[in-house]
C-alpha atoms as a PDB file:
ATOM      1  CA  MET A   1     195.026 102.462  47.870  1.00  0.00           C
ATOM      2  CA  SER A   2     194.607 105.561  45.766  1.00  0.00           C
ATOM      3  CA  GLU A   3     195.920 109.069  46.348  1.00  0.00           C
ATOM      4  CA  LYS A   4     192.498 109.978  47.793  1.00  0.00           C
ATOM      5  CA  ASP A   5     193.212 107.619  50.699  1.00  0.00           C
ATOM      6  CA  PHE A   6     196.088 109.785  51.940  1.00  0.00           C
ATOM      7  CA  VAL A   7     196.425 113.174  53.583  1.00  0.00           C
ATOM      8  CA  GLN A   8     199.396 115.559  53.655  1.00  0.00           C
ATOM      9  CA  VAL A   9     200.819 115.887  57.145  1.00  0.00           C
ATOM     10  CA  ALA A  10     204.209 117.602  56.800  1.00  0.00           C
ATOM     11  CA  LYS A  11     206.827 119.090  54.542  1.00  0.00           C
ATOM     12  CA  LEU A  12     210.498 118.432  55.182  1.00  0.00           C
ATOM     13  CA  GLY A  13     212.870 121.383  55.157  1.00  0.00           C
ATOM     14  CA  LYS A  14     216.621 121.785  55.192  1.00  0.00           C
ATOM     15  CA  THR A  15     219.063 119.678  57.166  1.00  0.00           C
ATOM     16  CA  VAL A  16     220.010 120.744  60.688  1.00  0.00           C
ATOM     17  CA  GLY A  17     223.420 119.726  62.041  1.00  0.00           C
ATOM     18  CA  LEU A  18     225.561 116.837  60.834  1.00  0.00           C
ATOM     19  CA  LYS A  19     223.640 113.817  62.157  1.00  0.00           C
ATOM     20  CA  GLY A  20     220.840 113.745  59.572  1.00  0.00           C
ATOM     21  CA  TYR A  21     218.140 115.809  61.253  1.00  0.00           C
ATOM     22  CA  VAL A  22     215.807 117.786  58.995  1.00  0.00           C
ATOM     23  CA  LYS A  23     213.354 120.554  59.784  1.00  0.00           C
ATOM     24  CA  LEU A  24     209.754 119.316  59.897  1.00  0.00           C
ATOM     25  CA  HIS A  25     207.003 121.749  58.892  1.00  0.00           C
ATOM     26  CA  ASN A  26     203.775 120.347  60.316  1.00  0.00           C
ATOM     27  CA  LEU A  27     200.861 120.804  57.895  1.00  0.00           C
ATOM     28  CA  SER A  28     198.321 119.295  60.277  1.00  0.00           C
ATOM     29  CA  ASP A  29     196.777 120.181  63.618  1.00  0.00           C
ATOM     30  CA  PHE A  30     198.209 117.069  65.261  1.00  0.00           C
ATOM     31  CA  SER A  31     201.863 117.300  66.242  1.00  0.00           C
ATOM     32  CA  SER A  32     201.367 114.228  68.453  1.00  0.00           C
ATOM     33  CA  GLN A  33     201.525 111.995  65.365  1.00  0.00           C
ATOM     34  CA  PHE A  34     205.233 112.770  64.982  1.00  0.00           C
ATOM     35  CA  LYS A  35     206.907 110.386  67.398  1.00  0.00           C
ATOM     36  CA  LYS A  36     209.439 107.574  67.458  1.00  0.00           C
ATOM     37  CA  ASP A  37     208.549 104.658  65.150  1.00  0.00           C
ATOM     38  CA  ALA A  38     205.764 106.567  63.347  1.00  0.00           C
ATOM     39  CA  THR A  39     205.800 105.916  59.596  1.00  0.00           C
ATOM     40  CA  PHE A  40     204.900 108.179  56.697  1.00  0.00           C
ATOM     41  CA  PHE A  41     204.752 107.901  52.924  1.00  0.00           C
ATOM     42  CA  ILE A  42     206.588 110.107  50.446  1.00  0.00           C
ATOM     43  CA  LYS A  43     204.469 111.522  47.627  1.00  0.00           C
ATOM     44  CA  ASN A  44     204.660 109.686  44.293  1.00  0.00           C
ATOM     45  CA  THR A  45     206.742 106.833  45.708  1.00  0.00           C
ATOM     46  CA  LYS A  46     206.079 103.676  47.654  1.00  0.00           C
ATOM     47  CA  GLU A  47     208.880 104.538  50.062  1.00  0.00           C
ATOM     48  CA  MET A  48     208.048 104.874  53.729  1.00  0.00           C
ATOM     49  CA  LEU A  49     210.010 106.882  56.261  1.00  0.00           C
ATOM     50  CA  LYS A  50     210.190 105.783  59.888  1.00  0.00           C
ATOM     51  CA  ILE A  51     210.949 108.318  62.600  1.00  0.00           C
ATOM     52  CA  LYS A  52     213.963 107.476  64.725  1.00  0.00           C
ATOM     53  CA  HIS A  53     213.786 110.664  66.821  1.00  0.00           C
ATOM     54  CA  TYR A  54     211.615 113.793  66.874  1.00  0.00           C
ATOM     55  CA  ASN A  55     212.683 116.929  68.728  1.00  0.00           C
ATOM     56  CA  THR A  56     209.539 118.841  69.676  1.00  0.00           C
ATOM     57  CA  SER A  57     211.383 121.966  70.847  1.00  0.00           C
ATOM     58  CA  ASN A  58     212.826 122.806  67.428  1.00  0.00           C
ATOM     59  CA  SER A  59     210.663 120.617  65.139  1.00  0.00           C
ATOM     60  CA  THR A  60     213.508 118.540  63.767  1.00  0.00           C
ATOM     61  CA  VAL A  61     213.214 114.895  62.868  1.00  0.00           C
ATOM     62  CA  LEU A  62     215.659 112.047  62.255  1.00  0.00           C
ATOM     63  CA  PHE A  63     214.551 109.160  60.044  1.00  0.00           C
ATOM     64  CA  GLU A  64     215.883 105.614  60.036  1.00  0.00           C
ATOM     65  CA  ASN A  65     218.428 105.040  57.230  1.00  0.00           C
ATOM     66  CA  TYR A  66     219.017 108.805  56.899  1.00  0.00           C
ATOM     67  CA  GLU A  67     221.386 109.284  59.832  1.00  0.00           C
ATOM     68  CA  ASP A  68     223.969 111.494  58.120  1.00  0.00           C
ATOM     69  CA  ILE A  69     223.757 114.913  56.530  1.00  0.00           C
ATOM     70  CA  GLU A  70     224.414 113.798  52.950  1.00  0.00           C
ATOM     71  CA  LYS A  71     221.691 111.156  53.019  1.00  0.00           C
ATOM     72  CA  ALA A  72     219.273 113.512  54.825  1.00  0.00           C
ATOM     73  CA  LYS A  73     219.697 116.174  52.118  1.00  0.00           C
ATOM     74  CA  GLU A  74     217.747 113.827  49.817  1.00  0.00           C
ATOM     75  CA  LEU A  75     214.678 114.480  51.988  1.00  0.00           C
ATOM     76  CA  THR A  76     214.644 118.276  51.623  1.00  0.00           C
ATOM     77  CA  ASN A  77     211.311 119.620  50.310  1.00  0.00           C
ATOM     78  CA  LEU A  78     209.577 116.242  50.325  1.00  0.00           C
ATOM     79  CA  ILE A  79     205.932 116.047  51.390  1.00  0.00           C
ATOM     80  CA  LEU A  80     204.963 113.404  53.951  1.00  0.00           C
ATOM     81  CA  PHE A  81     201.621 111.644  53.757  1.00  0.00           C
ATOM     82  CA  GLN A  82     199.703 109.411  56.122  1.00  0.00           C
ATOM     83  CA  SER A  83     196.727 107.245  55.286  1.00  0.00           C
ATOM     84  CA  ILE A  84     193.358 108.635  56.282  1.00  0.00           C
ATOM     85  CA  GLU A  85     192.715 105.435  58.216  1.00  0.00           C
ATOM     86  CA  LYS A  86     195.918 105.813  60.240  1.00  0.00           C
ATOM     87  CA  SER A  87     195.194 109.510  60.803  1.00  0.00           C
ATOM     88  CA  ARG A  88     191.876 108.587  62.383  1.00  0.00           C
ATOM     89  CA  GLN A  89     193.667 106.139  64.695  1.00  0.00           C
ATOM     90  CA  THR A  90     196.548 108.381  65.790  1.00  0.00           C
ATOM     91  CA  CYS A  91     194.928 111.835  65.863  1.00  0.00           C
ATOM     92  CA  LYS A  92     192.357 112.206  68.597  1.00  0.00           C
ATOM     93  CA  LEU A  93     189.497 114.639  68.133  1.00  0.00           C
ATOM     94  CA  LYS A  94     187.535 116.445  70.800  1.00  0.00           C
ATOM     95  CA  LYS A  95     183.748 116.480  70.924  1.00  0.00           C
ATOM     96  CA  ASP A  96     182.189 118.236  67.913  1.00  0.00           C
ATOM     97  CA  GLU A  97     185.495 118.272  65.990  1.00  0.00           C
ATOM     98  CA  PHE A  98     185.901 116.728  62.560  1.00  0.00           C
ATOM     99  CA  PHE A  99     188.679 115.920  60.149  1.00  0.00           C
ATOM    100  CA  TYR A 100     188.513 118.181  57.123  1.00  0.00           C
ATOM    101  CA  PHE A 101     188.538 115.165  54.808  1.00  0.00           C
ATOM    102  CA  ASP A 102     185.356 113.882  56.462  1.00  0.00           C
ATOM    103  CA  ILE A 103     183.385 117.039  55.717  1.00  0.00           C
ATOM    104  CA  LEU A 104     184.574 117.753  52.183  1.00  0.00           C
ATOM    105  CA  GLU A 105     181.728 117.739  49.690  1.00  0.00           C
ATOM    106  CA  CYS A 106     179.106 117.820  52.454  1.00  0.00           C
ATOM    107  CA  GLU A 107     176.035 119.957  51.978  1.00  0.00           C
ATOM    108  CA  VAL A 108     175.637 122.975  54.226  1.00  0.00           C
ATOM    109  CA  PHE A 109     172.175 123.848  55.521  1.00  0.00           C
ATOM    110  CA  GLU A 110     171.397 127.189  57.089  1.00  0.00           C
ATOM    111  CA  GLU A 111     168.475 127.672  59.420  1.00  0.00           C
ATOM    112  CA  ASP A 112     166.618 130.971  59.654  1.00  0.00           C
END
């Protein structure tokens, strides 16, 4: 898979508390994709992060293997990616809605 096969979904912020939670800044329109056991890629690495817990009320997330503050600090400012294929599976669209990556480079026709 190339970089074109992935889409940015979130940026990780600073740590919150002592248990390894980090602030999650959602860059997508689909907060429902952030749930327990969801996996995401880190830019420029092959490492995947798996969500252990997501707190919707304050947008904090805890990842497996990052369950303490010192380890979680390594995640600050990282960008999370998801494959376009997985985005299509997990993010449900309403009628007449489209993913932006599906309409890039499309021609626009105007009718008079």
